[in-house]
């Protein structure tokens, strides 16, 4: 278990809903991954690397709404800069399953609270 945090610590995390608008293979990643381009509405478009190739095809991902942390500093992964962290959980097959809203068509950029 990780250390306990305060509500103030949690409030620093900016969780938003976005829609994947482009997906590219990422052959230079150490583990199989995609390079995602995600539309966050008024926050703009951000890129992310995601190790979700076992569960999702590129076609599956286009138009899919996801949840991401959008206020991380950029992180360089090989020759790519990831600007946000797409959230998911590992299932019993050790595949990453994306976290997403149960309601469809939420406005891009909507803050998760």
PDB file of N, CA and C in Angstrom:
ATOM      1  N   UNK A   1       0.841  -1.176   0.000  1.00  0.00           N
ATOM      2  CA  UNK A   1       0.000   0.000   0.000  1.00  0.00           C
ATOM      3  C   UNK A   1       0.888   1.242   0.000  1.00  0.00           C
ATOM      4  N   UNK A   2       0.466   2.228  -0.720  1.00  0.00           N
ATOM      5  CA  UNK A   2       1.233   3.472  -0.810  1.00  0.00           C
ATOM      6  C   UNK A   2       0.947   4.344   0.407  1.00  0.00           C
ATOM      7  N   UNK A   3       1.825   5.327   0.674  1.00  0.00           N
ATOM      8  CA  UNK A   3       1.606   6.207   1.829  1.00  0.00           C
ATOM      9  C   UNK A   3       0.317   7.014   1.687  1.00  0.00           C
ATOM     10  N   UNK A   4      -0.288   7.348   2.803  1.00  0.00           N
ATOM     11  CA  UNK A   4      -1.495   8.173   2.800  1.00  0.00           C
ATOM     12  C   UNK A   4      -1.146   9.583   2.365  1.00  0.00           C
ATOM     13  N   UNK A   5      -2.102  10.199   1.662  1.00  0.00           N
ATOM     14  CA  UNK A   5      -1.923  11.571   1.225  1.00  0.00           C
ATOM     15  C   UNK A   5      -3.068  12.412   1.785  1.00  0.00           C
ATOM     16  N   UNK A   6      -2.883  13.705   1.725  1.00  0.00           N
ATOM     17  CA  UNK A   6      -3.934  14.607   2.180  1.00  0.00           C
ATOM     18  C   UNK A   6      -4.851  14.955   1.008  1.00  0.00           C
ATOM     19  N   UNK A   7      -5.993  15.540   1.332  1.00  0.00           N
ATOM     20  CA  UNK A   7      -6.883  16.005   0.274  1.00  0.00           C
ATOM     21  C   UNK A   7      -6.174  17.057  -0.566  1.00  0.00           C
ATOM     22  N   UNK A   8      -5.351  17.866   0.065  1.00  0.00           N
ATOM     23  CA  UNK A   8      -4.579  18.889  -0.666  1.00  0.00           C
ATOM     24  C   UNK A   8      -3.669  18.223  -1.696  1.00  0.00           C
ATOM     25  N   UNK A   9      -3.031  17.106  -1.320  1.00  0.00           N
ATOM     26  CA  UNK A   9      -2.200  16.378  -2.277  1.00  0.00           C
ATOM     27  C   UNK A   9      -3.045  15.920  -3.471  1.00  0.00           C
ATOM     28  N   UNK A  10      -4.197  15.321  -3.185  1.00  0.00           N
ATOM     29  CA  UNK A  10      -5.072  14.814  -4.245  1.00  0.00           C
ATOM     30  C   UNK A  10      -5.581  15.947  -5.132  1.00  0.00           C
ATOM     31  N   UNK A  11      -5.872  17.099  -4.540  1.00  0.00           N
ATOM     32  CA  UNK A  11      -6.443  18.201  -5.321  1.00  0.00           C
ATOM     33  C   UNK A  11      -5.455  18.770  -6.346  1.00  0.00           C
ATOM     34  N   UNK A  12      -4.196  18.407  -6.242  1.00  0.00           N
ATOM     35  CA  UNK A  12      -3.202  18.851  -7.218  1.00  0.00           C
ATOM     36  C   UNK A  12      -3.301  18.058  -8.526  1.00  0.00           C
ATOM     37  N   UNK A  13      -3.966  16.912  -8.496  1.00  0.00           N
ATOM     38  CA  UNK A  13      -4.085  16.062  -9.674  1.00  0.00           C
ATOM     39  C   UNK A  13      -5.239  16.564 -10.532  1.00  0.00           C
ATOM     40  N   UNK A  14      -4.969  16.808 -11.792  1.00  0.00           N
ATOM     41  CA  UNK A  14      -5.983  17.300 -12.717  1.00  0.00           C
ATOM     42  C   UNK A  14      -6.420  16.153 -13.636  1.00  0.00           C
ATOM     43  N   UNK A  15      -7.538  15.524 -13.277  1.00  0.00           N
ATOM     44  CA  UNK A  15      -8.093  14.411 -14.046  1.00  0.00           C
ATOM     45  C   UNK A  15      -9.119  14.956 -15.030  1.00  0.00           C
ATOM     46  N   UNK A  16      -8.983  14.588 -16.298  1.00  0.00           N
ATOM     47  CA  UNK A  16      -9.889  15.100 -17.327  1.00  0.00           C
ATOM     48  C   UNK A  16     -10.313  13.988 -18.277  1.00  0.00           C
ATOM     49  N   UNK A  17     -11.445  14.226 -18.927  1.00  0.00           N
ATOM     50  CA  UNK A  17     -11.949  13.341 -19.970  1.00  0.00           C
ATOM     51  C   UNK A  17     -11.457  13.867 -21.316  1.00  0.00           C
ATOM     52  N   UNK A  18     -10.987  12.958 -22.161  1.00  0.00           N
ATOM     53  CA  UNK A  18     -10.556  13.325 -23.500  1.00  0.00           C
ATOM     54  C   UNK A  18     -10.929  12.242 -24.493  1.00  0.00           C
ATOM     55  N   UNK A  19     -10.861  12.576 -25.763  1.00  0.00           N
ATOM     56  CA  UNK A  19     -11.174  11.635 -26.828  1.00  0.00           C
ATOM     57  C   UNK A  19      -9.924  11.378 -27.663  1.00  0.00           C
ATOM     58  N   UNK A  20      -9.628  10.109 -27.881  1.00  0.00           N
ATOM     59  CA  UNK A  20      -8.471   9.733 -28.704  1.00  0.00           C
ATOM     60  C   UNK A  20      -8.803  10.040 -30.163  1.00  0.00           C
ATOM     61  N   UNK A  21      -7.938  10.857 -30.790  1.00  0.00           N
ATOM     62  CA  UNK A  21      -8.185  11.256 -32.176  1.00  0.00           C
ATOM     63  C   UNK A  21      -7.157  10.670 -33.154  1.00  0.00           C
ATOM     64  N   UNK A  22      -6.053  10.142 -32.637  1.00  0.00           N
ATOM     65  CA  UNK A  22      -5.056   9.495 -33.504  1.00  0.00           C
ATOM     66  C   UNK A  22      -4.267   8.483 -32.685  1.00  0.00           C
ATOM     67  N   UNK A  23      -3.866   7.402 -33.349  1.00  0.00           N
ATOM     68  CA  UNK A  23      -3.096   6.335 -32.708  1.00  0.00           C
ATOM     69  C   UNK A  23      -2.001   5.896 -33.678  1.00  0.00           C
ATOM     70  N   UNK A  24      -0.777   5.847 -33.163  1.00  0.00           N
ATOM     71  CA  UNK A  24       0.363   5.393 -33.970  1.00  0.00           C
ATOM     72  C   UNK A  24       1.095   4.291 -33.215  1.00  0.00           C
ATOM     73  N   UNK A  25       1.712   3.371 -33.951  1.00  0.00           N
ATOM     74  CA  UNK A  25       2.589   2.389 -33.317  1.00  0.00           C
ATOM     75  C   UNK A  25       3.780   3.117 -32.710  1.00  0.00           C
ATOM     76  N   UNK A  26       4.380   2.511 -31.692  1.00  0.00           N
ATOM     77  CA  UNK A  26       5.537   3.110 -31.014  1.00  0.00           C
ATOM     78  C   UNK A  26       6.643   2.059 -30.936  1.00  0.00           C
ATOM     79  N   UNK A  27       7.304   1.793 -32.056  1.00  0.00           N
ATOM     80  CA  UNK A  27       8.300   0.717 -32.099  1.00  0.00           C
ATOM     81  C   UNK A  27       9.529   0.945 -31.218  1.00  0.00           C
ATOM     82  N   UNK A  28       9.821   2.195 -30.855  1.00  0.00           N
ATOM     83  CA  UNK A  28      11.001   2.466 -30.026  1.00  0.00           C
ATOM     84  C   UNK A  28      10.737   2.288 -28.531  1.00  0.00           C
ATOM     85  N   UNK A  29       9.495   2.054 -28.134  1.00  0.00           N
ATOM     86  CA  UNK A  29       9.184   1.830 -26.716  1.00  0.00           C
ATOM     87  C   UNK A  29       9.761   0.481 -26.278  1.00  0.00           C
ATOM     88  N   UNK A  30      10.188   0.406 -25.001  1.00  0.00           N
ATOM     89  CA  UNK A  30      10.737  -0.858 -24.480  1.00  0.00           C
ATOM     90  C   UNK A  30       9.688  -1.962 -24.425  1.00  0.00           C
ATOM     91  N   UNK A  31       8.467  -1.594 -24.017  1.00  0.00           N
ATOM     92  CA  UNK A  31       7.346  -2.529 -23.996  1.00  0.00           C
ATOM     93  C   UNK A  31       6.371  -2.097 -25.081  1.00  0.00           C
ATOM     94  N   UNK A  32       5.643  -3.031 -25.689  1.00  0.00           N
ATOM     95  CA  UNK A  32       4.713  -2.642 -26.756  1.00  0.00           C
ATOM     96  C   UNK A  32       3.762  -1.536 -26.303  1.00  0.00           C
ATOM     97  N   UNK A  33       3.665  -0.488 -27.119  1.00  0.00           N
ATOM     98  CA  UNK A  33       2.856   0.680 -26.757  1.00  0.00           C
ATOM     99  C   UNK A  33       2.387   1.393 -28.012  1.00  0.00           C
ATOM    100  N   UNK A  34       1.400   2.252 -27.808  1.00  0.00           N
ATOM    101  CA  UNK A  34       0.925   3.157 -28.845  1.00  0.00           C
ATOM    102  C   UNK A  34       1.269   4.585 -28.447  1.00  0.00           C
ATOM    103  N   UNK A  35       1.380   5.447 -29.440  1.00  0.00           N
ATOM    104  CA  UNK A  35       1.428   6.883 -29.230  1.00  0.00           C
ATOM    105  C   UNK A  35       0.019   7.401 -29.510  1.00  0.00           C
ATOM    106  N   UNK A  36      -0.595   7.995 -28.499  1.00  0.00           N
ATOM    107  CA  UNK A  36      -1.964   8.487 -28.615  1.00  0.00           C
ATOM    108  C   UNK A  36      -1.974   9.999 -28.738  1.00  0.00           C
ATOM    109  N   UNK A  37      -2.873  10.514 -29.546  1.00  0.00           N
ATOM    110  CA  UNK A  37      -3.161  11.937 -29.614  1.00  0.00           C
ATOM    111  C   UNK A  37      -4.581  12.098 -29.087  1.00  0.00           C
ATOM    112  N   UNK A  38      -4.738  12.947 -28.056  1.00  0.00           N
ATOM    113  CA  UNK A  38      -6.001  13.031 -27.322  1.00  0.00           C
ATOM    114  C   UNK A  38      -6.494  14.472 -27.295  1.00  0.00           C
ATOM    115  N   UNK A  39      -7.769  14.648 -27.633  1.00  0.00           N
ATOM    116  CA  UNK A  39      -8.410  15.963 -27.629  1.00  0.00           C
ATOM    117  C   UNK A  39      -9.035  16.203 -26.251  1.00  0.00           C
ATOM    118  N   UNK A  40      -8.562  17.246 -25.562  1.00  0.00           N
ATOM    119  CA  UNK A  40      -9.099  17.631 -24.262  1.00  0.00           C
ATOM    120  C   UNK A  40      -9.891  18.938 -24.347  1.00  0.00           C
ATOM    121  N   UNK A  41     -10.534  19.180 -25.462  1.00  0.00           N
ATOM    122  CA  UNK A  41     -11.386  20.358 -25.608  1.00  0.00           C
ATOM    123  C   UNK A  41     -10.618  21.652 -25.444  1.00  0.00           C
ATOM    124  N   UNK A  42     -11.077  22.503 -24.533  1.00  0.00           N
ATOM    125  CA  UNK A  42     -10.454  23.812 -24.314  1.00  0.00           C
ATOM    126  C   UNK A  42      -9.002  23.705 -23.829  1.00  0.00           C
ATOM    127  N   UNK A  43      -8.616  22.565 -23.268  1.00  0.00           N
ATOM    128  CA  UNK A  43      -7.229  22.371 -22.825  1.00  0.00           C
ATOM    129  C   UNK A  43      -6.298  22.064 -23.992  1.00  0.00           C
ATOM    130  N   UNK A  44      -6.869  21.753 -25.143  1.00  0.00           N
ATOM    131  CA  UNK A  44      -6.075  21.461 -26.323  1.00  0.00           C
ATOM    132  C   UNK A  44      -5.839  19.971 -26.517  1.00  0.00           C
ATOM    133  N   UNK A  45      -4.916  19.680 -27.412  1.00  0.00           N
ATOM    134  CA  UNK A  45      -4.577  18.305 -27.774  1.00  0.00           C
ATOM    135  C   UNK A  45      -3.276  17.933 -27.079  1.00  0.00           C
ATOM    136  N   UNK A  46      -3.243  16.747 -26.478  1.00  0.00           N
ATOM    137  CA  UNK A  46      -2.042  16.261 -25.799  1.00  0.00           C
ATOM    138  C   UNK A  46      -1.701  14.871 -26.324  1.00  0.00           C
ATOM    139  N   UNK A  47      -0.443  14.517 -26.157  1.00  0.00           N
ATOM    140  CA  UNK A  47       0.033  13.203 -26.589  1.00  0.00           C
ATOM    141  C   UNK A  47       0.396  12.365 -25.369  1.00  0.00           C
ATOM    142  N   UNK A  48       0.263  11.052 -25.534  1.00  0.00           N
ATOM    143  CA  UNK A  48       0.594  10.134 -24.454  1.00  0.00           C
ATOM    144  C   UNK A  48       1.048   8.810 -25.050  1.00  0.00           C
ATOM    145  N   UNK A  49       1.906   8.135 -24.339  1.00  0.00           N
ATOM    146  CA  UNK A  49       2.291   6.770 -24.674  1.00  0.00           C
ATOM    147  C   UNK A  49       1.502   5.847 -23.763  1.00  0.00           C
ATOM    148  N   UNK A  50       0.969   4.767 -24.327  1.00  0.00           N
ATOM    149  CA  UNK A  50       0.165   3.857 -23.512  1.00  0.00           C
ATOM    150  C   UNK A  50       0.454   2.407 -23.902  1.00  0.00           C
ATOM    151  N   UNK A  51       0.711   1.592 -22.892  1.00  0.00           N
ATOM    152  CA  UNK A  51       0.997   0.168 -23.100  1.00  0.00           C
ATOM    153  C   UNK A  51      -0.316  -0.616 -23.101  1.00  0.00           C
ATOM    154  N   UNK A  52      -1.091  -0.421 -24.150  1.00  0.00           N
ATOM    155  CA  UNK A  52      -2.431  -1.012 -24.229  1.00  0.00           C
ATOM    156  C   UNK A  52      -2.612  -1.832 -25.500  1.00  0.00           C
ATOM    157  N   UNK A  53      -1.507  -2.253 -26.103  1.00  0.00           N
ATOM    158  CA  UNK A  53      -1.574  -2.957 -27.385  1.00  0.00           C
ATOM    159  C   UNK A  53      -2.147  -4.367 -27.265  1.00  0.00           C
ATOM    160  N   UNK A  54      -2.087  -4.977 -26.095  1.00  0.00           N
ATOM    161  CA  UNK A  54      -2.609  -6.339 -25.940  1.00  0.00           C
ATOM    162  C   UNK A  54      -4.134  -6.362 -26.011  1.00  0.00           C
ATOM    163  N   UNK A  55      -4.770  -5.339 -25.523  1.00  0.00           N
ATOM    164  CA  UNK A  55      -6.229  -5.336 -25.383  1.00  0.00           C
ATOM    165  C   UNK A  55      -6.938  -4.541 -26.485  1.00  0.00           C
ATOM    166  N   UNK A  56      -6.261  -3.553 -27.072  1.00  0.00           N
ATOM    167  CA  UNK A  56      -6.915  -2.647 -28.017  1.00  0.00           C
ATOM    168  C   UNK A  56      -6.151  -2.585 -29.338  1.00  0.00           C
ATOM    169  N   UNK A  57      -6.910  -2.546 -30.439  1.00  0.00           N
ATOM    170  CA  UNK A  57      -6.307  -2.260 -31.737  1.00  0.00           C
ATOM    171  C   UNK A  57      -6.360  -0.751 -31.941  1.00  0.00           C
ATOM    172  N   UNK A  58      -5.635  -0.274 -32.915  1.00  0.00           N
ATOM    173  CA  UNK A  58      -5.671   1.161 -33.214  1.00  0.00           C
ATOM    174  C   UNK A  58      -7.088   1.589 -33.585  1.00  0.00           C
ATOM    175  N   UNK A  59      -7.782   0.773 -34.355  1.00  0.00           N
ATOM    176  CA  UNK A  59      -9.159   1.111 -34.736  1.00  0.00           C
ATOM    177  C   UNK A  59     -10.091   1.154 -33.535  1.00  0.00           C
ATOM    178  N   UNK A  60      -9.864   0.271 -32.538  1.00  0.00           N
ATOM    179  CA  UNK A  60     -10.685   0.279 -31.316  1.00  0.00           C
ATOM    180  C   UNK A  60     -10.579   1.609 -30.589  1.00  0.00           C
ATOM    181  N   UNK A  61      -9.423   2.242 -30.672  1.00  0.00           N
ATOM    182  CA  UNK A  61      -9.129   3.407 -29.845  1.00  0.00           C
ATOM    183  C   UNK A  61      -9.614   4.735 -30.429  1.00  0.00           C
ATOM    184  N   UNK A  62      -9.693   4.827 -31.735  1.00  0.00           N
ATOM    185  CA  UNK A  62     -10.117   6.085 -32.354  1.00  0.00           C
ATOM    186  C   UNK A  62     -11.542   6.405 -31.907  1.00  0.00           C
ATOM    187  N   UNK A  63     -11.713   7.611 -31.343  1.00  0.00           N
ATOM    188  CA  UNK A  63     -13.030   8.059 -30.883  1.00  0.00           C
ATOM    189  C   UNK A  63     -13.369   7.631 -29.466  1.00  0.00           C
ATOM    190  N   UNK A  64     -12.506   6.833 -28.833  1.00  0.00           N
ATOM    191  CA  UNK A  64     -12.774   6.365 -27.471  1.00  0.00           C
ATOM    192  C   UNK A  64     -12.471   7.479 -26.467  1.00  0.00           C
ATOM    193  N   UNK A  65     -13.394   7.695 -25.540  1.00  0.00           N
ATOM    194  CA  UNK A  65     -13.144   8.660 -24.468  1.00  0.00           C
ATOM    195  C   UNK A  65     -12.393   7.965 -23.342  1.00  0.00           C
ATOM    196  N   UNK A  66     -11.403   8.673 -22.810  1.00  0.00           N
ATOM    197  CA  UNK A  66     -10.551   8.120 -21.756  1.00  0.00           C
ATOM    198  C   UNK A  66     -10.464   9.124 -20.603  1.00  0.00           C
ATOM    199  N   UNK A  67      -9.905   8.664 -19.508  1.00  0.00           N
ATOM    200  CA  UNK A  67      -9.604   9.519 -18.368  1.00  0.00           C
ATOM    201  C   UNK A  67      -8.088   9.630 -18.276  1.00  0.00           C
ATOM    202  N   UNK A  68      -7.588  10.844 -18.044  1.00  0.00           N
ATOM    203  CA  UNK A  68      -6.141  11.047 -17.979  1.00  0.00           C
ATOM    204  C   UNK A  68      -5.795  12.130 -16.965  1.00  0.00           C
ATOM    205  N   UNK A  69      -4.580  12.031 -16.449  1.00  0.00           N
ATOM    206  CA  UNK A  69      -4.008  13.110 -15.639  1.00  0.00           C
ATOM    207  C   UNK A  69      -3.311  14.037 -16.624  1.00  0.00           C
ATOM    208  N   UNK A  70      -3.734  15.297 -16.647  1.00  0.00           N
ATOM    209  CA  UNK A  70      -3.238  16.219 -17.674  1.00  0.00           C
ATOM    210  C   UNK A  70      -2.208  17.226 -17.166  1.00  0.00           C
ATOM    211  N   UNK A  71      -1.905  17.189 -15.869  1.00  0.00           N
ATOM    212  CA  UNK A  71      -0.962  18.191 -15.365  1.00  0.00           C
ATOM    213  C   UNK A  71       0.384  17.607 -14.937  1.00  0.00           C
ATOM    214  N   UNK A  72       0.776  16.507 -15.551  1.00  0.00           N
ATOM    215  CA  UNK A  72       2.131  16.003 -15.364  1.00  0.00           C
ATOM    216  C   UNK A  72       3.086  16.817 -16.215  1.00  0.00           C
ATOM    217  N   UNK A  73       4.338  16.909 -15.782  1.00  0.00           N
ATOM    218  CA  UNK A  73       5.360  17.487 -16.642  1.00  0.00           C
ATOM    219  C   UNK A  73       5.600  16.509 -17.790  1.00  0.00           C
ATOM    220  N   UNK A  74       6.036  17.030 -18.940  1.00  0.00           N
ATOM    221  CA  UNK A  74       6.338  16.158 -20.076  1.00  0.00           C
ATOM    222  C   UNK A  74       7.382  15.130 -19.679  1.00  0.00           C
ATOM    223  N   UNK A  75       7.208  13.908 -20.194  1.00  0.00           N
ATOM    224  CA  UNK A  75       8.172  12.836 -19.916  1.00  0.00           C
ATOM    225  C   UNK A  75       8.639  12.271 -21.251  1.00  0.00           C
ATOM    226  N   UNK A  76       9.965  12.221 -21.407  1.00  0.00           N
ATOM    227  CA  UNK A  76      10.507  11.671 -22.644  1.00  0.00           C
ATOM    228  C   UNK A  76      10.579  10.158 -22.542  1.00  0.00           C
ATOM    229  N   UNK A  77      10.004   9.503 -23.540  1.00  0.00           N
ATOM    230  CA  UNK A  77      10.050   8.045 -23.657  1.00  0.00           C
ATOM    231  C   UNK A  77      10.617   7.773 -25.042  1.00  0.00           C
ATOM    232  N   UNK A  78      11.861   7.298 -25.088  1.00  0.00           N
ATOM    233  CA  UNK A  78      12.596   7.139 -26.346  1.00  0.00           C
ATOM    234  C   UNK A  78      12.614   8.496 -27.060  1.00  0.00           C
ATOM    235  N   UNK A  79      12.086   8.567 -28.273  1.00  0.00           N
ATOM    236  CA  UNK A  79      12.104   9.820 -29.043  1.00  0.00           C
ATOM    237  C   UNK A  79      10.761  10.559 -28.979  1.00  0.00           C
ATOM    238  N   UNK A  80       9.954  10.270 -27.959  1.00  0.00           N
ATOM    239  CA  UNK A  80       8.587  10.780 -27.853  1.00  0.00           C
ATOM    240  C   UNK A  80       8.401  11.479 -26.518  1.00  0.00           C
ATOM    241  N   UNK A  81       7.622  12.570 -26.508  1.00  0.00           N
ATOM    242  CA  UNK A  81       7.322  13.274 -25.258  1.00  0.00           C
ATOM    243  C   UNK A  81       5.864  13.040 -24.889  1.00  0.00           C
ATOM    244  N   UNK A  82       5.657  12.381 -23.750  1.00  0.00           N
ATOM    245  CA  UNK A  82       4.312  12.125 -23.246  1.00  0.00           C
ATOM    246  C   UNK A  82       3.889  13.320 -22.402  1.00  0.00           C
ATOM    247  N   UNK A  83       2.679  13.843 -22.665  1.00  0.00           N
ATOM    248  CA  UNK A  83       2.208  15.065 -22.012  1.00  0.00           C
ATOM    249  C   UNK A  83       1.101  14.820 -20.987  1.00  0.00           C
ATOM    250  N   UNK A  84       0.612  13.597 -20.917  1.00  0.00           N
ATOM    251  CA  UNK A  84      -0.433  13.265 -19.950  1.00  0.00           C
ATOM    252  C   UNK A  84      -0.346  11.767 -19.662  1.00  0.00           C
ATOM    253  N   UNK A  85      -1.045  11.331 -18.624  1.00  0.00           N
ATOM    254  CA  UNK A  85      -1.036   9.919 -18.242  1.00  0.00           C
ATOM    255  C   UNK A  85      -2.444   9.370 -18.375  1.00  0.00           C
ATOM    256  N   UNK A  86      -2.635   8.470 -19.324  1.00  0.00           N
ATOM    257  CA  UNK A  86      -3.918   7.811 -19.536  1.00  0.00           C
ATOM    258  C   UNK A  86      -4.067   6.743 -18.454  1.00  0.00           C
ATOM    259  N   UNK A  87      -5.244   6.705 -17.823  1.00  0.00           N
ATOM    260  CA  UNK A  87      -5.449   5.804 -16.692  1.00  0.00           C
ATOM    261  C   UNK A  87      -6.082   4.484 -17.117  1.00  0.00           C
ATOM    262  N   UNK A  88      -5.607   3.426 -16.496  1.00  0.00           N
ATOM    263  CA  UNK A  88      -6.137   2.095 -16.737  1.00  0.00           C
ATOM    264  C   UNK A  88      -5.784   1.186 -15.578  1.00  0.00           C
ATOM    265  N   UNK A  89      -6.361  -0.008 -15.582  1.00  0.00           N
ATOM    266  CA  UNK A  89      -6.035  -0.994 -14.559  1.00  0.00           C
ATOM    267  C   UNK A  89      -5.690  -2.307 -15.246  1.00  0.00           C
ATOM    268  N   UNK A  90      -4.905  -3.106 -14.557  1.00  0.00           N
ATOM    269  CA  UNK A  90      -4.503  -4.399 -15.097  1.00  0.00           C
ATOM    270  C   UNK A  90      -5.558  -5.445 -14.759  1.00  0.00           C
ATOM    271  N   UNK A  91      -6.019  -6.183 -15.768  1.00  0.00           N
ATOM    272  CA  UNK A  91      -6.998  -7.242 -15.516  1.00  0.00           C
ATOM    273  C   UNK A  91      -6.285  -8.551 -15.173  1.00  0.00           C
ATOM    274  N   UNK A  92      -7.046  -9.630 -15.026  1.00  0.00           N
ATOM    275  CA  UNK A  92      -6.444 -10.905 -14.625  1.00  0.00           C
ATOM    276  C   UNK A  92      -5.600 -11.545 -15.719  1.00  0.00           C
ATOM    277  N   UNK A  93      -5.635 -10.993 -16.943  1.00  0.00           N
ATOM    278  CA  UNK A  93      -4.789 -11.469 -18.043  1.00  0.00           C
ATOM    279  C   UNK A  93      -3.549 -10.596 -18.198  1.00  0.00           C
ATOM    280  N   UNK A  94      -3.344  -9.698 -17.250  1.00  0.00           N
ATOM    281  CA  UNK A  94      -2.235  -8.747 -17.253  1.00  0.00           C
ATOM    282  C   UNK A  94      -2.287  -7.802 -18.454  1.00  0.00           C
ATOM    283  N   UNK A  95      -3.510  -7.469 -18.873  1.00  0.00           N
ATOM    284  CA  UNK A  95      -3.740  -6.476 -19.917  1.00  0.00           C
ATOM    285  C   UNK A  95      -4.215  -5.200 -19.235  1.00  0.00           C
ATOM    286  N   UNK A  96      -3.842  -4.046 -19.788  1.00  0.00           N
ATOM    287  CA  UNK A  96      -4.313  -2.776 -19.255  1.00  0.00           C
ATOM    288  C   UNK A  96      -5.675  -2.463 -19.876  1.00  0.00           C
ATOM    289  N   UNK A  97      -6.653  -2.226 -19.010  1.00  0.00           N
ATOM    290  CA  UNK A  97      -8.004  -1.861 -19.424  1.00  0.00           C
ATOM    291  C   UNK A  97      -8.177  -0.375 -19.108  1.00  0.00           C
ATOM    292  N   UNK A  98      -8.549   0.408 -20.108  1.00  0.00           N
ATOM    293  CA  UNK A  98      -8.690   1.856 -19.929  1.00  0.00           C
ATOM    294  C   UNK A  98      -9.846   2.192 -18.998  1.00  0.00           C
ATOM    295  N   UNK A  99      -9.627   3.205 -18.154  1.00  0.00           N
ATOM    296  CA  UNK A  99     -10.709   3.736 -17.329  1.00  0.00           C
ATOM    297  C   UNK A  99     -11.479   4.742 -18.160  1.00  0.00           C
ATOM    298  N   UNK A 100     -12.789   4.615 -18.147  1.00  0.00           N
ATOM    299  CA  UNK A 100     -13.605   5.550 -18.895  1.00  0.00           C
ATOM    300  C   UNK A 100     -14.944   5.719 -18.201  1.00  0.00           C
ATOM    301  N   UNK A 101     -15.624   6.775 -18.551  1.00  0.00           N
ATOM    302  CA  UNK A 101     -16.910   7.091 -17.952  1.00  0.00           C
ATOM    303  C   UNK A 101     -17.967   6.093 -18.397  1.00  0.00           C
ATOM    304  N   UNK A 102     -18.933   5.843 -17.543  1.00  0.00           N
ATOM    305  CA  UNK A 102     -20.050   4.982 -17.930  1.00  0.00           C
ATOM    306  C   UNK A 102     -21.058   5.746 -18.788  1.00  0.00           C
ATOM    307  N   UNK A 103     -20.947   7.064 -18.818  1.00  0.00           N
ATOM    308  CA  UNK A 103     -21.816   7.885 -19.659  1.00  0.00           C
ATOM    309  C   UNK A 103     -21.071   8.213 -20.947  1.00  0.00           C
ATOM    310  N   UNK A 104     -21.758   8.123 -22.059  1.00  0.00           N
ATOM    311  CA  UNK A 104     -21.124   8.393 -23.347  1.00  0.00           C
ATOM    312  C   UNK A 104     -21.157   9.874 -23.680  1.00  0.00           C
ATOM    313  N   UNK A 105     -20.195  10.279 -24.495  1.00  0.00           N
ATOM    314  CA  UNK A 105     -20.144  11.634 -25.053  1.00  0.00           C
ATOM    315  C   UNK A 105     -20.088  12.735 -23.999  1.00  0.00           C
ATOM    316  N   UNK A 106     -19.150  12.617 -23.112  1.00  0.00           N
ATOM    317  CA  UNK A 106     -18.893  13.691 -22.155  1.00  0.00           C
ATOM    318  C   UNK A 106     -18.032  14.728 -22.882  1.00  0.00           C
ATOM    319  N   UNK A 107     -18.264  15.993 -22.592  1.00  0.00           N
ATOM    320  CA  UNK A 107     -17.505  17.070 -23.244  1.00  0.00           C
ATOM    321  C   UNK A 107     -16.025  16.894 -22.942  1.00  0.00           C
ATOM    322  N   UNK A 108     -15.205  16.924 -24.006  1.00  0.00           N
ATOM    323  CA  UNK A 108     -13.757  16.815 -23.837  1.00  0.00           C
ATOM    324  C   UNK A 108     -13.256  17.924 -22.921  1.00  0.00           C
ATOM    325  N   UNK A 109     -12.376  17.557 -22.005  1.00  0.00           N
ATOM    326  CA  UNK A 109     -11.816  18.513 -21.063  1.00  0.00           C
ATOM    327  C   UNK A 109     -12.572  18.562 -19.757  1.00  0.00           C
ATOM    328  N   UNK A 110     -13.704  17.867 -19.645  1.00  0.00           N
ATOM    329  CA  UNK A 110     -14.467  17.860 -18.397  1.00  0.00           C
ATOM    330  C   UNK A 110     -13.590  17.303 -17.285  1.00  0.00           C
ATOM    331  N   UNK A 111     -13.596  18.009 -16.161  1.00  0.00           N
ATOM    332  CA  UNK A 111     -12.781  17.598 -15.022  1.00  0.00           C
ATOM    333  C   UNK A 111     -13.488  16.492 -14.234  1.00  0.00           C
ATOM    334  N   UNK A 112     -12.712  15.484 -13.852  1.00  0.00           N
ATOM    335  CA  UNK A 112     -13.210  14.394 -13.025  1.00  0.00           C
ATOM    336  C   UNK A 112     -13.077  14.838 -11.580  1.00  0.00           C
ATOM    337  N   UNK A 113     -14.141  14.691 -10.811  1.00  0.00           N
ATOM    338  CA  UNK A 113     -14.083  15.114  -9.411  1.00  0.00           C
ATOM    339  C   UNK A 113     -14.607  14.028  -8.495  1.00  0.00           C
TER     340      UNK A 113
END
